[in-house]
Every structure is written in C-alpha cells, then in structure tokens.
Amino acid sequence: MNHYSQYDFQRSICANIATCAMCDAQVGNTLLATCQQGQCVVIDLREQAVTACSNASECYVRAPECCECGGTTNEYSVIALSSTSSIAYSTLVCSPNQVCADCAPVYPAVNVDCISGHCQVV
C-alpha cells in the first residue's frame, strides 16, 4: 500500500509553493493520507482516536511513517499520538503484514500537549 504523503497533498493544493507561502502552515503535520474502503483519503489526526487524550502525559512523539526506524524525525514532520494508540496508528499507515526493523529513533526536542482532547506537537 502506497501512502499519499503530506508533500503530495501539499503539492496538490498548492502547485507553486513559491507563490503560496502559507501552504506549509495550512497543511501542517496532522494531515495524513490513508486507504479507507479502497479509496485514498486525507484525514486529520486531530480528529482521530489515535490522538485522543485527557492530558499531555498521555502523548508521545513519533515519526509519521509506518516504520519509525528510518522514518522522518525532524521537528516539522513528527507527530503526537496517544500512548495507547500504536497498534491503531499502524493500522492507519501500514500495509497489512508489514514488518519494520527494530531501532531507537532519535527525536527532536519538541513539546507535545493535549489540546481540545487530542495530542499535538506544539
């Protein structure tokens, strides 16, 4: 399963990024493309159960790709998820039976918070 990347989505709504400076801020790292019922759809992680929280201590930082090992870990790409959602998130972004290598990704020093009931990088 190929996933539609944030970059692809950004390019689809803002073909000439040089003349559309606000695209980066508008797209953000909470948008994710996933396959639902055989269709590629864009979802907002801030509206999904995988980010549900009641306080910031329930949130953690993660690479947005299926496999954290080798994933994008810069401060502009990482996402915040609920500590109970790793399996549910994998269901959203991984191909069935996908196997990921074991590693300990190094994440940037970013803050996460529980905002309006959902984990977010702030």
PDB file of N, CA and C in Angstrom:
ATOM      1  N   MET A   1       0.849  -1.173   0.000  1.00  0.00           N
ATOM      2  CA  MET A   1       0.000   0.000   0.000  1.00  0.00           C
ATOM      3  C   MET A   1       0.896   1.237   0.000  1.00  0.00           C
ATOM      4  N   ASN A   2       0.764   2.064  -0.986  1.00  0.00           N
ATOM      5  CA  ASN A   2       1.494   3.320  -1.011  1.00  0.00           C
ATOM      6  C   ASN A   2       0.651   4.376  -0.344  1.00  0.00           C
ATOM      7  N   HIS A   3       1.287   5.190   0.454  1.00  0.00           N
ATOM      8  CA  HIS A   3       0.566   6.245   1.150  1.00  0.00           C
ATOM      9  C   HIS A   3       0.861   7.587   0.501  1.00  0.00           C
ATOM     10  N   TYR A   4      -0.164   8.335   0.332  1.00  0.00           N
ATOM     11  CA  TYR A   4      -0.103   9.679  -0.215  1.00  0.00           C
ATOM     12  C   TYR A   4       0.572  10.541   0.842  1.00  0.00           C
ATOM     13  N   SER A   5       1.711  11.110   0.537  1.00  0.00           N
ATOM     14  CA  SER A   5       2.466  11.852   1.537  1.00  0.00           C
ATOM     15  C   SER A   5       1.917  13.259   1.733  1.00  0.00           C
ATOM     16  N   GLN A   6       2.314  13.840   2.844  1.00  0.00           N
ATOM     17  CA  GLN A   6       1.931  15.223   3.129  1.00  0.00           C
ATOM     18  C   GLN A   6       2.436  16.116   2.002  1.00  0.00           C
ATOM     19  N   TYR A   7       3.641  15.845   1.508  1.00  0.00           N
ATOM     20  CA  TYR A   7       4.198  16.642   0.422  1.00  0.00           C
ATOM     21  C   TYR A   7       3.314  16.545  -0.824  1.00  0.00           C
ATOM     22  N   ASP A   8       2.874  15.327  -1.151  1.00  0.00           N
ATOM     23  CA  ASP A   8       1.995  15.159  -2.307  1.00  0.00           C
ATOM     24  C   ASP A   8       0.699  15.933  -2.128  1.00  0.00           C
ATOM     25  N   PHE A   9       0.134  15.874  -0.922  1.00  0.00           N
ATOM     26  CA  PHE A   9      -1.098  16.609  -0.645  1.00  0.00           C
ATOM     27  C   PHE A   9      -0.849  18.104  -0.786  1.00  0.00           C
ATOM     28  N   GLN A  10       0.241  18.557  -0.211  1.00  0.00           N
ATOM     29  CA  GLN A  10       0.568  19.976  -0.280  1.00  0.00           C
ATOM     30  C   GLN A  10       0.696  20.415  -1.732  1.00  0.00           C
ATOM     31  N   ARG A  11       1.388  19.622  -2.536  1.00  0.00           N
ATOM     32  CA  ARG A  11       1.557  19.970  -3.950  1.00  0.00           C
ATOM     33  C   ARG A  11       0.219  19.971  -4.679  1.00  0.00           C
ATOM     34  N   SER A  12      -0.706  19.112  -4.264  1.00  0.00           N
ATOM     35  CA  SER A  12      -1.991  19.055  -4.954  1.00  0.00           C
ATOM     36  C   SER A  12      -2.848  20.286  -4.690  1.00  0.00           C
ATOM     37  N   ILE A  13      -2.682  20.905  -3.534  1.00  0.00           N
ATOM     38  CA  ILE A  13      -3.473  22.098  -3.234  1.00  0.00           C
ATOM     39  C   ILE A  13      -2.715  23.383  -3.503  1.00  0.00           C
ATOM     40  N   CYS A  14      -1.430  23.269  -3.718  1.00  0.00           N
ATOM     41  CA  CYS A  14      -0.609  24.458  -3.900  1.00  0.00           C
ATOM     42  C   CYS A  14       0.502  24.121  -4.876  1.00  0.00           C
ATOM     43  N   ALA A  15       0.182  24.051  -6.146  1.00  0.00           N
ATOM     44  CA  ALA A  15       1.125  23.587  -7.164  1.00  0.00           C
ATOM     45  C   ALA A  15       2.418  24.400  -7.195  1.00  0.00           C
ATOM     46  N   ASN A  16       2.351  25.691  -6.975  1.00  0.00           N
ATOM     47  CA  ASN A  16       3.550  26.514  -6.979  1.00  0.00           C
ATOM     48  C   ASN A  16       3.803  27.028  -5.568  1.00  0.00           C
ATOM     49  N   ILE A  17       4.547  26.256  -4.798  1.00  0.00           N
ATOM     50  CA  ILE A  17       4.785  26.608  -3.391  1.00  0.00           C
ATOM     51  C   ILE A  17       5.469  27.955  -3.267  1.00  0.00           C
ATOM     52  N   ALA A  18       6.284  28.339  -4.235  1.00  0.00           N
ATOM     53  CA  ALA A  18       6.973  29.629  -4.179  1.00  0.00           C
ATOM     54  C   ALA A  18       5.989  30.791  -4.128  1.00  0.00           C
ATOM     55  N   THR A  19       4.811  30.634  -4.731  1.00  0.00           N
ATOM     56  CA  THR A  19       3.833  31.722  -4.724  1.00  0.00           C
ATOM     57  C   THR A  19       2.716  31.468  -3.719  1.00  0.00           C
ATOM     58  N   CYS A  20       2.881  30.476  -2.908  1.00  0.00           N
ATOM     59  CA  CYS A  20       1.846  30.119  -1.938  1.00  0.00           C
ATOM     60  C   CYS A  20       2.509  29.854  -0.596  1.00  0.00           C
ATOM     61  N   ALA A  21       3.068  30.883  -0.004  1.00  0.00           N
ATOM     62  CA  ALA A  21       3.881  30.732   1.200  1.00  0.00           C
ATOM     63  C   ALA A  21       3.128  30.148   2.391  1.00  0.00           C
ATOM     64  N   MET A  22       1.833  30.293   2.446  1.00  0.00           N
ATOM     65  CA  MET A  22       1.080  29.806   3.601  1.00  0.00           C
ATOM     66  C   MET A  22       0.769  28.314   3.539  1.00  0.00           C
ATOM     67  N   CYS A  23       1.091  27.632   2.464  1.00  0.00           N
ATOM     68  CA  CYS A  23       0.750  26.219   2.351  1.00  0.00           C
ATOM     69  C   CYS A  23       1.347  25.381   3.477  1.00  0.00           C
ATOM     70  N   ASP A  24       2.610  25.579   3.800  1.00  0.00           N
ATOM     71  CA  ASP A  24       3.228  24.771   4.841  1.00  0.00           C
ATOM     72  C   ASP A  24       2.457  24.887   6.149  1.00  0.00           C
ATOM     73  N   ALA A  25       2.104  26.092   6.534  1.00  0.00           N
ATOM     74  CA  ALA A  25       1.389  26.286   7.789  1.00  0.00           C
ATOM     75  C   ALA A  25      -0.022  25.714   7.722  1.00  0.00           C
ATOM     76  N   GLN A  26      -0.660  25.810   6.577  1.00  0.00           N
ATOM     77  CA  GLN A  26      -2.025  25.329   6.464  1.00  0.00           C
ATOM     78  C   GLN A  26      -2.094  23.813   6.452  1.00  0.00           C
ATOM     79  N   VAL A  27      -1.143  23.160   5.806  1.00  0.00           N
ATOM     80  CA  VAL A  27      -1.177  21.709   5.712  1.00  0.00           C
ATOM     81  C   VAL A  27      -0.783  21.080   7.027  1.00  0.00           C
ATOM     82  N   GLY A  28       0.325  21.506   7.604  1.00  0.00           N
ATOM     83  CA  GLY A  28       0.742  21.007   8.891  1.00  0.00           C
ATOM     84  C   GLY A  28       1.071  19.531   8.888  1.00  0.00           C
ATOM     85  N   ASN A  29       1.451  19.021  10.046  1.00  0.00           N
ATOM     86  CA  ASN A  29       1.821  17.613  10.130  1.00  0.00           C
ATOM     87  C   ASN A  29       0.711  16.769  10.742  1.00  0.00           C
ATOM     88  N   THR A  30      -0.492  17.291  10.822  1.00  0.00           N
ATOM     89  CA  THR A  30      -1.592  16.496  11.360  1.00  0.00           C
ATOM     90  C   THR A  30      -2.414  15.844  10.261  1.00  0.00           C
ATOM     91  N   LEU A  31      -2.147  16.196   9.007  1.00  0.00           N
ATOM     92  CA  LEU A  31      -2.874  15.586   7.896  1.00  0.00           C
ATOM     93  C   LEU A  31      -2.155  14.321   7.452  1.00  0.00           C
ATOM     94  N   LEU A  32      -2.927  13.315   7.160  1.00  0.00           N
ATOM     95  CA  LEU A  32      -2.376  12.022   6.798  1.00  0.00           C
ATOM     96  C   LEU A  32      -3.252  11.404   5.720  1.00  0.00           C
ATOM     97  N   ALA A  33      -2.620  10.834   4.745  1.00  0.00           N
ATOM     98  CA  ALA A  33      -3.382  10.111   3.727  1.00  0.00           C
ATOM     99  C   ALA A  33      -3.387   8.639   4.091  1.00  0.00           C
ATOM    100  N   THR A  34      -4.529   8.022   3.962  1.00  0.00           N
ATOM    101  CA  THR A  34      -4.667   6.612   4.286  1.00  0.00           C
ATOM    102  C   THR A  34      -5.684   5.985   3.342  1.00  0.00           C
ATOM    103  N   CYS A  35      -5.729   4.690   3.347  1.00  0.00           N
ATOM    104  CA  CYS A  35      -6.664   3.975   2.483  1.00  0.00           C
ATOM    105  C   CYS A  35      -7.866   3.542   3.321  1.00  0.00           C
ATOM    106  N   GLN A  36      -9.050   3.985   2.931  1.00  0.00           N
ATOM    107  CA  GLN A  36     -10.281   3.589   3.608  1.00  0.00           C
ATOM    108  C   GLN A  36     -11.253   3.074   2.558  1.00  0.00           C
ATOM    109  N   GLN A  37     -11.656   1.839   2.717  1.00  0.00           N
ATOM    110  CA  GLN A  37     -12.590   1.197   1.794  1.00  0.00           C
ATOM    111  C   GLN A  37     -12.124   1.308   0.345  1.00  0.00           C
ATOM    112  N   GLY A  38     -10.815   1.091   0.139  1.00  0.00           N
ATOM    113  CA  GLY A  38     -10.263   1.095  -1.202  1.00  0.00           C
ATOM    114  C   GLY A  38     -10.042   2.460  -1.812  1.00  0.00           C
ATOM    115  N   GLN A  39     -10.207   3.517  -1.032  1.00  0.00           N
ATOM    116  CA  GLN A  39     -10.020   4.882  -1.521  1.00  0.00           C
ATOM    117  C   GLN A  39      -8.950   5.588  -0.708  1.00  0.00           C
ATOM    118  N   CYS A  40      -8.127   6.378  -1.372  1.00  0.00           N
ATOM    119  CA  CYS A  40      -7.143   7.202  -0.688  1.00  0.00           C
ATOM    120  C   CYS A  40      -7.868   8.432  -0.152  1.00  0.00           C
ATOM    121  N   VAL A  41      -7.810   8.635   1.152  1.00  0.00           N
ATOM    122  CA  VAL A  41      -8.465   9.781   1.771  1.00  0.00           C
ATOM    123  C   VAL A  41      -7.487  10.496   2.688  1.00  0.00           C
ATOM    124  N   VAL A  42      -7.695  11.767   2.856  1.00  0.00           N
ATOM    125  CA  VAL A  42      -6.891  12.567   3.771  1.00  0.00           C
ATOM    126  C   VAL A  42      -7.678  12.703   5.067  1.00  0.00           C
ATOM    127  N   ILE A  43      -7.007  12.381   6.173  1.00  0.00           N
ATOM    128  CA  ILE A  43      -7.628  12.537   7.494  1.00  0.00           C
ATOM    129  C   ILE A  43      -6.798  13.514   8.313  1.00  0.00           C
ATOM    130  N   ASP A  44      -7.426  14.102   9.283  1.00  0.00           N
ATOM    131  CA  ASP A  44      -6.746  14.993  10.214  1.00  0.00           C
ATOM    132  C   ASP A  44      -6.565  14.230  11.514  1.00  0.00           C
ATOM    133  N   LEU A  45      -5.324  14.015  11.906  1.00  0.00           N
ATOM    134  CA  LEU A  45      -5.058  13.248  13.132  1.00  0.00           C
ATOM    135  C   LEU A  45      -5.726  13.864  14.358  1.00  0.00           C
ATOM    136  N   ARG A  46      -5.967  15.181  14.326  1.00  0.00           N
ATOM    137  CA  ARG A  46      -6.609  15.842  15.470  1.00  0.00           C
ATOM    138  C   ARG A  46      -8.066  15.435  15.632  1.00  0.00           C
ATOM    139  N   GLU A  47      -8.588  14.662  14.690  1.00  0.00           N
ATOM    140  CA  GLU A  47      -9.974  14.204  14.765  1.00  0.00           C
ATOM    141  C   GLU A  47     -10.065  12.685  14.925  1.00  0.00           C
ATOM    142  N   GLN A  48      -8.929  12.029  15.138  1.00  0.00           N
ATOM    143  CA  GLN A  48      -8.886  10.571  15.183  1.00  0.00           C
ATOM    144  C   GLN A  48      -8.656  10.066  16.603  1.00  0.00           C
ATOM    145  N   ALA A  49      -9.133   8.867  16.870  1.00  0.00           N
ATOM    146  CA  ALA A  49      -8.964   8.250  18.192  1.00  0.00           C
ATOM    147  C   ALA A  49      -7.497   8.035  18.542  1.00  0.00           C
ATOM    148  N   VAL A  50      -6.622   7.908  17.545  1.00  0.00           N
ATOM    149  CA  VAL A  50      -5.203   7.652  17.812  1.00  0.00           C
ATOM    150  C   VAL A  50      -4.511   8.823  18.511  1.00  0.00           C
ATOM    151  N   THR A  51      -5.159   9.980  18.547  1.00  0.00           N
ATOM    152  CA  THR A  51      -4.576  11.137  19.231  1.00  0.00           C
ATOM    153  C   THR A  51      -5.388  11.547  20.460  1.00  0.00           C
ATOM    154  N   ALA A  52      -6.421  10.800  20.797  1.00  0.00           N
ATOM    155  CA  ALA A  52      -7.288  11.168  21.920  1.00  0.00           C
ATOM    156  C   ALA A  52      -6.509  11.163  23.236  1.00  0.00           C
ATOM    157  N   CYS A  53      -6.756  12.168  24.047  1.00  0.00           N
ATOM    158  CA  CYS A  53      -6.057  12.288  25.332  1.00  0.00           C
ATOM    159  C   CYS A  53      -6.890  13.115  26.303  1.00  0.00           C
ATOM    160  N   SER A  54      -6.501  13.028  27.572  1.00  0.00           N
ATOM    161  CA  SER A  54      -7.108  13.908  28.568  1.00  0.00           C
ATOM    162  C   SER A  54      -6.058  14.824  29.191  1.00  0.00           C
ATOM    163  N   ASN A  55      -4.760  14.481  29.011  1.00  0.00           N
ATOM    164  CA  ASN A  55      -3.685  15.365  29.447  1.00  0.00           C
ATOM    165  C   ASN A  55      -2.412  15.044  28.665  1.00  0.00           C
ATOM    166  N   ALA A  56      -1.459  15.959  28.712  1.00  0.00           N
ATOM    167  CA  ALA A  56      -0.237  15.846  27.901  1.00  0.00           C
ATOM    168  C   ALA A  56       0.599  14.617  28.234  1.00  0.00           C
ATOM    169  N   SER A  57       0.494  14.101  29.440  1.00  0.00           N
ATOM    170  CA  SER A  57       1.304  12.933  29.804  1.00  0.00           C
ATOM    171  C   SER A  57       0.909  11.682  29.025  1.00  0.00           C
ATOM    172  N   GLU A  58      -0.226  11.708  28.368  1.00  0.00           N
ATOM    173  CA  GLU A  58      -0.691  10.574  27.560  1.00  0.00           C
ATOM    174  C   GLU A  58      -0.188  10.638  26.122  1.00  0.00           C
ATOM    175  N   CYS A  59       0.587  11.656  25.780  1.00  0.00           N
ATOM    176  CA  CYS A  59       1.022  11.883  24.405  1.00  0.00           C
ATOM    177  C   CYS A  59       2.505  11.570  24.240  1.00  0.00           C
ATOM    178  N   TYR A  60       2.856  11.104  23.040  1.00  0.00           N
ATOM    179  CA  TYR A  60       4.266  10.866  22.720  1.00  0.00           C
ATOM    180  C   TYR A  60       4.540  11.260  21.275  1.00  0.00           C
ATOM    181  N   VAL A  61       5.816  11.461  20.962  1.00  0.00           N
ATOM    182  CA  VAL A  61       6.252  11.876  19.634  1.00  0.00           C
ATOM    183  C   VAL A  61       6.607  10.640  18.821  1.00  0.00           C
ATOM    184  N   ARG A  62       6.279  10.690  17.539  1.00  0.00           N
ATOM    185  CA  ARG A  62       6.530   9.548  16.655  1.00  0.00           C
ATOM    186  C   ARG A  62       6.755  10.049  15.234  1.00  0.00           C
ATOM    187  N   ALA A  63       7.487   9.266  14.450  1.00  0.00           N
ATOM    188  CA  ALA A  63       7.624   9.537  13.015  1.00  0.00           C
ATOM    189  C   ALA A  63       6.277   9.236  12.362  1.00  0.00           C
ATOM    190  N   PRO A  64       5.906   9.947  11.319  1.00  0.00           N
ATOM    191  CA  PRO A  64       4.597   9.728  10.712  1.00  0.00           C
ATOM    192  C   PRO A  64       4.489   8.462   9.866  1.00  0.00           C
ATOM    193  N   GLU A  65       5.614   7.930   9.399  1.00  0.00           N
ATOM    194  CA  GLU A  65       5.579   6.747   8.545  1.00  0.00           C
ATOM    195  C   GLU A  65       5.212   5.495   9.346  1.00  0.00           C
ATOM    196  N   CYS A  66       4.906   4.440   8.639  1.00  0.00           N
ATOM    197  CA  CYS A  66       4.592   3.167   9.276  1.00  0.00           C
ATOM    198  C   CYS A  66       5.731   2.723  10.185  1.00  0.00           C
ATOM    199  N   CYS A  67       6.935   2.686   9.646  1.00  0.00           N
ATOM    200  CA  CYS A  67       8.099   2.225  10.408  1.00  0.00           C
ATOM    201  C   CYS A  67       8.844   3.420  10.990  1.00  0.00           C
ATOM    202  N   GLU A  68       8.957   3.445  12.295  1.00  0.00           N
ATOM    203  CA  GLU A  68       9.692   4.545  12.923  1.00  0.00           C
ATOM    204  C   GLU A  68      11.159   4.499  12.556  1.00  0.00           C
ATOM    205  N   CYS A  69      11.713   3.298  12.463  1.00  0.00           N
ATOM    206  CA  CYS A  69      13.115   3.131  12.101  1.00  0.00           C
ATOM    207  C   CYS A  69      13.292   3.584  10.658  1.00  0.00           C
ATOM    208  N   GLY A  70      14.048   4.634  10.462  1.00  0.00           N
ATOM    209  CA  GLY A  70      14.234   5.184   9.127  1.00  0.00           C
ATOM    210  C   GLY A  70      13.188   6.216   8.753  1.00  0.00           C
ATOM    211  N   GLY A  71      12.233   6.484   9.633  1.00  0.00           N
ATOM    212  CA  GLY A  71      11.190   7.464   9.364  1.00  0.00           C
ATOM    213  C   GLY A  71      11.713   8.890   9.479  1.00  0.00           C
ATOM    214  N   THR A  72      10.889   9.836   9.080  1.00  0.00           N
ATOM    215  CA  THR A  72      11.240  11.246   9.131  1.00  0.00           C
ATOM    216  C   THR A  72      11.109  11.751  10.564  1.00  0.00           C
ATOM    217  N   THR A  73      12.209  12.223  11.114  1.00  0.00           N
ATOM    218  CA  THR A  73      12.185  12.621  12.525  1.00  0.00           C
ATOM    219  C   THR A  73      12.594  14.065  12.754  1.00  0.00           C
ATOM    220  N   ASN A  74      12.443  14.921  11.746  1.00  0.00           N
ATOM    221  CA  ASN A  74      12.770  16.324  12.002  1.00  0.00           C
ATOM    222  C   ASN A  74      11.596  16.989  12.731  1.00  0.00           C
ATOM    223  N   GLU A  75      11.848  18.136  13.306  1.00  0.00           N
ATOM    224  CA  GLU A  75      10.848  18.789  14.146  1.00  0.00           C
ATOM    225  C   GLU A  75       9.586  19.196  13.393  1.00  0.00           C
ATOM    226  N   TYR A  76       9.653  19.304  12.083  1.00  0.00           N
ATOM    227  CA  TYR A  76       8.492  19.707  11.295  1.00  0.00           C
ATOM    228  C   TYR A  76       7.653  18.534  10.816  1.00  0.00           C
ATOM    229  N   SER A  77       8.166  17.329  10.978  1.00  0.00           N
ATOM    230  CA  SER A  77       7.468  16.151  10.474  1.00  0.00           C
ATOM    231  C   SER A  77       6.894  15.248  11.549  1.00  0.00           C
ATOM    232  N   VAL A  78       7.468  15.261  12.740  1.00  0.00           N
ATOM    233  CA  VAL A  78       6.996  14.341  13.777  1.00  0.00           C
ATOM    234  C   VAL A  78       5.564  14.652  14.166  1.00  0.00           C
ATOM    235  N   ILE A  79       4.892  13.636  14.659  1.00  0.00           N
ATOM    236  CA  ILE A  79       3.503  13.772  15.077  1.00  0.00           C
ATOM    237  C   ILE A  79       3.389  13.381  16.540  1.00  0.00           C
ATOM    238  N   ALA A  80       2.264  13.698  17.138  1.00  0.00           N
ATOM    239  CA  ALA A  80       1.997  13.317  18.526  1.00  0.00           C
ATOM    240  C   ALA A  80       0.810  12.371  18.535  1.00  0.00           C
ATOM    241  N   LEU A  81       0.968  11.256  19.229  1.00  0.00           N
ATOM    242  CA  LEU A  81      -0.087  10.254  19.336  1.00  0.00           C
ATOM    243  C   LEU A  81      -0.377   9.944  20.783  1.00  0.00           C
ATOM    244  N   SER A  82      -1.509   9.333  21.013  1.00  0.00           N
ATOM    245  CA  SER A  82      -1.863   8.848  22.339  1.00  0.00           C
ATOM    246  C   SER A  82      -1.019   7.628  22.652  1.00  0.00           C
ATOM    247  N   SER A  83      -0.591   7.489  23.890  1.00  0.00           N
ATOM    248  CA  SER A  83       0.277   6.378  24.283  1.00  0.00           C
ATOM    249  C   SER A  83      -0.392   5.016  24.138  1.00  0.00           C
ATOM    250  N   THR A  84      -1.686   4.987  23.952  1.00  0.00           N
ATOM    251  CA  THR A  84      -2.391   3.707  23.799  1.00  0.00           C
ATOM    252  C   THR A  84      -2.727   3.390  22.342  1.00  0.00           C
ATOM    253  N   SER A  85      -2.162   4.146  21.409  1.00  0.00           N
ATOM    254  CA  SER A  85      -2.631   4.042  20.025  1.00  0.00           C
ATOM    255  C   SER A  85      -1.663   3.424  19.028  1.00  0.00           C
ATOM    256  N   SER A  86      -0.566   2.843  19.460  1.00  0.00           N
ATOM    257  CA  SER A  86       0.436   2.392  18.480  1.00  0.00           C
ATOM    258  C   SER A  86      -0.122   1.358  17.502  1.00  0.00           C
ATOM    259  N   ILE A  87      -0.923   0.433  17.955  1.00  0.00           N
ATOM    260  CA  ILE A  87      -1.493  -0.571  17.056  1.00  0.00           C
ATOM    261  C   ILE A  87      -2.517   0.068  16.120  1.00  0.00           C
ATOM    262  N   ALA A  88      -3.367   0.924  16.657  1.00  0.00           N
ATOM    263  CA  ALA A  88      -4.374   1.594  15.819  1.00  0.00           C
ATOM    264  C   ALA A  88      -3.711   2.489  14.774  1.00  0.00           C
ATOM    265  N   TYR A  89      -2.628   3.160  15.145  1.00  0.00           N
ATOM    266  CA  TYR A  89      -1.934   4.007  14.182  1.00  0.00           C
ATOM    267  C   TYR A  89      -1.309   3.152  13.085  1.00  0.00           C
ATOM    268  N   SER A  90      -0.725   2.037  13.462  1.00  0.00           N
ATOM    269  CA  SER A  90      -0.144   1.133  12.466  1.00  0.00           C
ATOM    270  C   SER A  90      -1.198   0.672  11.464  1.00  0.00           C
ATOM    271  N   THR A  91      -2.402   0.438  11.933  1.00  0.00           N
ATOM    272  CA  THR A  91      -3.500   0.034  11.050  1.00  0.00           C
ATOM    273  C   THR A  91      -3.793   1.128  10.024  1.00  0.00           C
ATOM    274  N   LEU A  92      -3.663   2.387  10.436  1.00  0.00           N
ATOM    275  CA  LEU A  92      -3.914   3.513   9.524  1.00  0.00           C
ATOM    276  C   LEU A  92      -2.842   3.656   8.457  1.00  0.00           C
ATOM    277  N   VAL A  93      -1.573   3.420   8.817  1.00  0.00           N
ATOM    278  CA  VAL A  93      -0.484   3.795   7.914  1.00  0.00           C
ATOM    279  C   VAL A  93       0.342   2.646   7.342  1.00  0.00           C
ATOM    280  N   CYS A  94       0.147   1.444   7.823  1.00  0.00           N
ATOM    281  CA  CYS A  94       0.975   0.326   7.369  1.00  0.00           C
ATOM    282  C   CYS A  94       0.215  -0.589   6.424  1.00  0.00           C
ATOM    283  N   SER A  95       0.956  -1.203   5.536  1.00  0.00           N
ATOM    284  CA  SER A  95       0.387  -2.256   4.703  1.00  0.00           C
ATOM    285  C   SER A  95       0.151  -3.470   5.596  1.00  0.00           C
ATOM    286  N   PRO A  96      -0.864  -4.274   5.291  1.00  0.00           N
ATOM    287  CA  PRO A  96      -1.079  -5.483   6.089  1.00  0.00           C
ATOM    288  C   PRO A  96       0.184  -6.342   6.116  1.00  0.00           C
ATOM    289  N   ASN A  97       0.505  -6.861   7.278  1.00  0.00           N
ATOM    290  CA  ASN A  97       1.669  -7.738   7.484  1.00  0.00           C
ATOM    291  C   ASN A  97       3.010  -7.065   7.250  1.00  0.00           C
ATOM    292  N   GLN A  98       3.067  -5.742   7.219  1.00  0.00           N
ATOM    293  CA  GLN A  98       4.341  -5.054   7.040  1.00  0.00           C
ATOM    294  C   GLN A  98       5.212  -5.270   8.266  1.00  0.00           C
ATOM    295  N   VAL A  99       6.472  -5.540   8.048  1.00  0.00           N
ATOM    296  CA  VAL A  99       7.425  -5.760   9.130  1.00  0.00           C
ATOM    297  C   VAL A  99       8.396  -4.593   9.152  1.00  0.00           C
ATOM    298  N   CYS A 100       8.610  -4.036  10.331  1.00  0.00           N
ATOM    299  CA  CYS A 100       9.526  -2.907  10.480  1.00  0.00           C
ATOM    300  C   CYS A 100      10.777  -3.358  11.232  1.00  0.00           C
ATOM    301  N   ALA A 101      11.915  -2.768  10.870  1.00  0.00           N
ATOM    302  CA  ALA A 101      13.167  -3.047  11.571  1.00  0.00           C
ATOM    303  C   ALA A 101      13.099  -2.460  12.978  1.00  0.00           C
ATOM    304  N   ASP A 102      13.842  -3.055  13.885  1.00  0.00           N
ATOM    305  CA  ASP A 102      13.925  -2.531  15.246  1.00  0.00           C
ATOM    306  C   ASP A 102      15.049  -1.508  15.312  1.00  0.00           C
ATOM    307  N   CYS A 103      14.758  -0.380  15.909  1.00  0.00           N
ATOM    308  CA  CYS A 103      15.771   0.639  16.159  1.00  0.00           C
ATOM    309  C   CYS A 103      15.208   1.601  17.191  1.00  0.00           C
ATOM    310  N   ALA A 104      16.037   2.480  17.656  1.00  0.00           N
ATOM    311  CA  ALA A 104      15.609   3.510  18.597  1.00  0.00           C
ATOM    312  C   ALA A 104      15.765   4.856  17.915  1.00  0.00           C
ATOM    313  N   PRO A 105      14.694   5.367  17.266  1.00  0.00           N
ATOM    314  CA  PRO A 105      14.801   6.647  16.565  1.00  0.00           C
ATOM    315  C   PRO A 105      15.173   7.777  17.522  1.00  0.00           C
ATOM    316  N   VAL A 106      15.900   8.725  17.018  1.00  0.00           N
ATOM    317  CA  VAL A 106      16.252   9.911  17.797  1.00  0.00           C
ATOM    318  C   VAL A 106      15.299  11.012  17.371  1.00  0.00           C
ATOM    319  N   TYR A 107      14.508  11.483  18.315  1.00  0.00           N
ATOM    320  CA  TYR A 107      13.520  12.515  18.021  1.00  0.00           C
ATOM    321  C   TYR A 107      14.003  13.875  18.480  1.00  0.00           C
ATOM    322  N   PRO A 108      13.572  14.932  17.797  1.00  0.00           N
ATOM    323  CA  PRO A 108      13.968  16.286  18.199  1.00  0.00           C
ATOM    324  C   PRO A 108      13.284  16.676  19.506  1.00  0.00           C
ATOM    325  N   ALA A 109      13.832  17.668  20.135  1.00  0.00           N
ATOM    326  CA  ALA A 109      13.252  18.177  21.375  1.00  0.00           C
ATOM    327  C   ALA A 109      12.054  19.056  21.022  1.00  0.00           C
ATOM    328  N   VAL A 110      10.884  18.435  20.923  1.00  0.00           N
ATOM    329  CA  VAL A 110       9.653  19.169  20.663  1.00  0.00           C
ATOM    330  C   VAL A 110       8.711  18.930  21.834  1.00  0.00           C
ATOM    331  N   ASN A 111       7.789  19.827  22.004  1.00  0.00           N
ATOM    332  CA  ASN A 111       6.795  19.686  23.064  1.00  0.00           C
ATOM    333  C   ASN A 111       5.508  19.118  22.497  1.00  0.00           C
ATOM    334  N   VAL A 112       4.850  18.297  23.291  1.00  0.00           N
ATOM    335  CA  VAL A 112       3.532  17.789  22.929  1.00  0.00           C
ATOM    336  C   VAL A 112       2.560  18.230  24.003  1.00  0.00           C
ATOM    337  N   ASP A 113       1.308  18.387  23.604  1.00  0.00           N
ATOM    338  CA  ASP A 113       0.280  18.794  24.557  1.00  0.00           C
ATOM    339  C   ASP A 113      -1.029  18.147  24.149  1.00  0.00           C
ATOM    340  N   CYS A 114      -1.937  18.099  25.095  1.00  0.00           N
ATOM    341  CA  CYS A 114      -3.280  17.611  24.836  1.00  0.00           C
ATOM    342  C   CYS A 114      -4.154  18.849  24.646  1.00  0.00           C
ATOM    343  N   ILE A 115      -4.515  19.108  23.408  1.00  0.00           N
ATOM    344  CA  ILE A 115      -5.272  20.311  23.067  1.00  0.00           C
ATOM    345  C   ILE A 115      -6.641  19.870  22.538  1.00  0.00           C
ATOM    346  N   SER A 116      -7.666  20.355  23.174  1.00  0.00           N
ATOM    347  CA  SER A 116      -9.038  20.000  22.786  1.00  0.00           C
ATOM    348  C   SER A 116      -9.244  18.490  22.700  1.00  0.00           C
ATOM    349  N   GLY A 117      -8.592  17.762  23.619  1.00  0.00           N
ATOM    350  CA  GLY A 117      -8.766  16.320  23.700  1.00  0.00           C
ATOM    351  C   GLY A 117      -7.947  15.496  22.732  1.00  0.00           C
ATOM    352  N   HIS A 118      -6.953  16.132  22.068  1.00  0.00           N
ATOM    353  CA  HIS A 118      -6.118  15.393  21.125  1.00  0.00           C
ATOM    354  C   HIS A 118      -4.649  15.803  21.259  1.00  0.00           C
ATOM    355  N   CYS A 119      -3.755  14.806  21.196  1.00  0.00           N
ATOM    356  CA  CYS A 119      -2.313  15.063  21.274  1.00  0.00           C
ATOM    357  C   CYS A 119      -1.866  15.831  20.037  1.00  0.00           C
ATOM    358  N   GLN A 120      -1.009  16.835  20.284  1.00  0.00           N
ATOM    359  CA  GLN A 120      -0.465  17.630  19.187  1.00  0.00           C
ATOM    360  C   GLN A 120       0.937  18.052  19.519  1.00  0.00           C
ATOM    361  N   VAL A 121       1.766  18.178  18.489  1.00  0.00           N
ATOM    362  CA  VAL A 121       3.095  18.780  18.651  1.00  0.00           C
ATOM    363  C   VAL A 121       2.861  20.272  18.706  1.00  0.00           C
ATOM    364  N   VAL A 122       3.463  20.920  19.690  1.00  0.00           N
ATOM    365  CA  VAL A 122       3.291  22.376  19.833  1.00  0.00           C
ATOM    366  C   VAL A 122       4.624  23.082  19.785  1.00  0.00           C
TER     367      VAL A 122
END
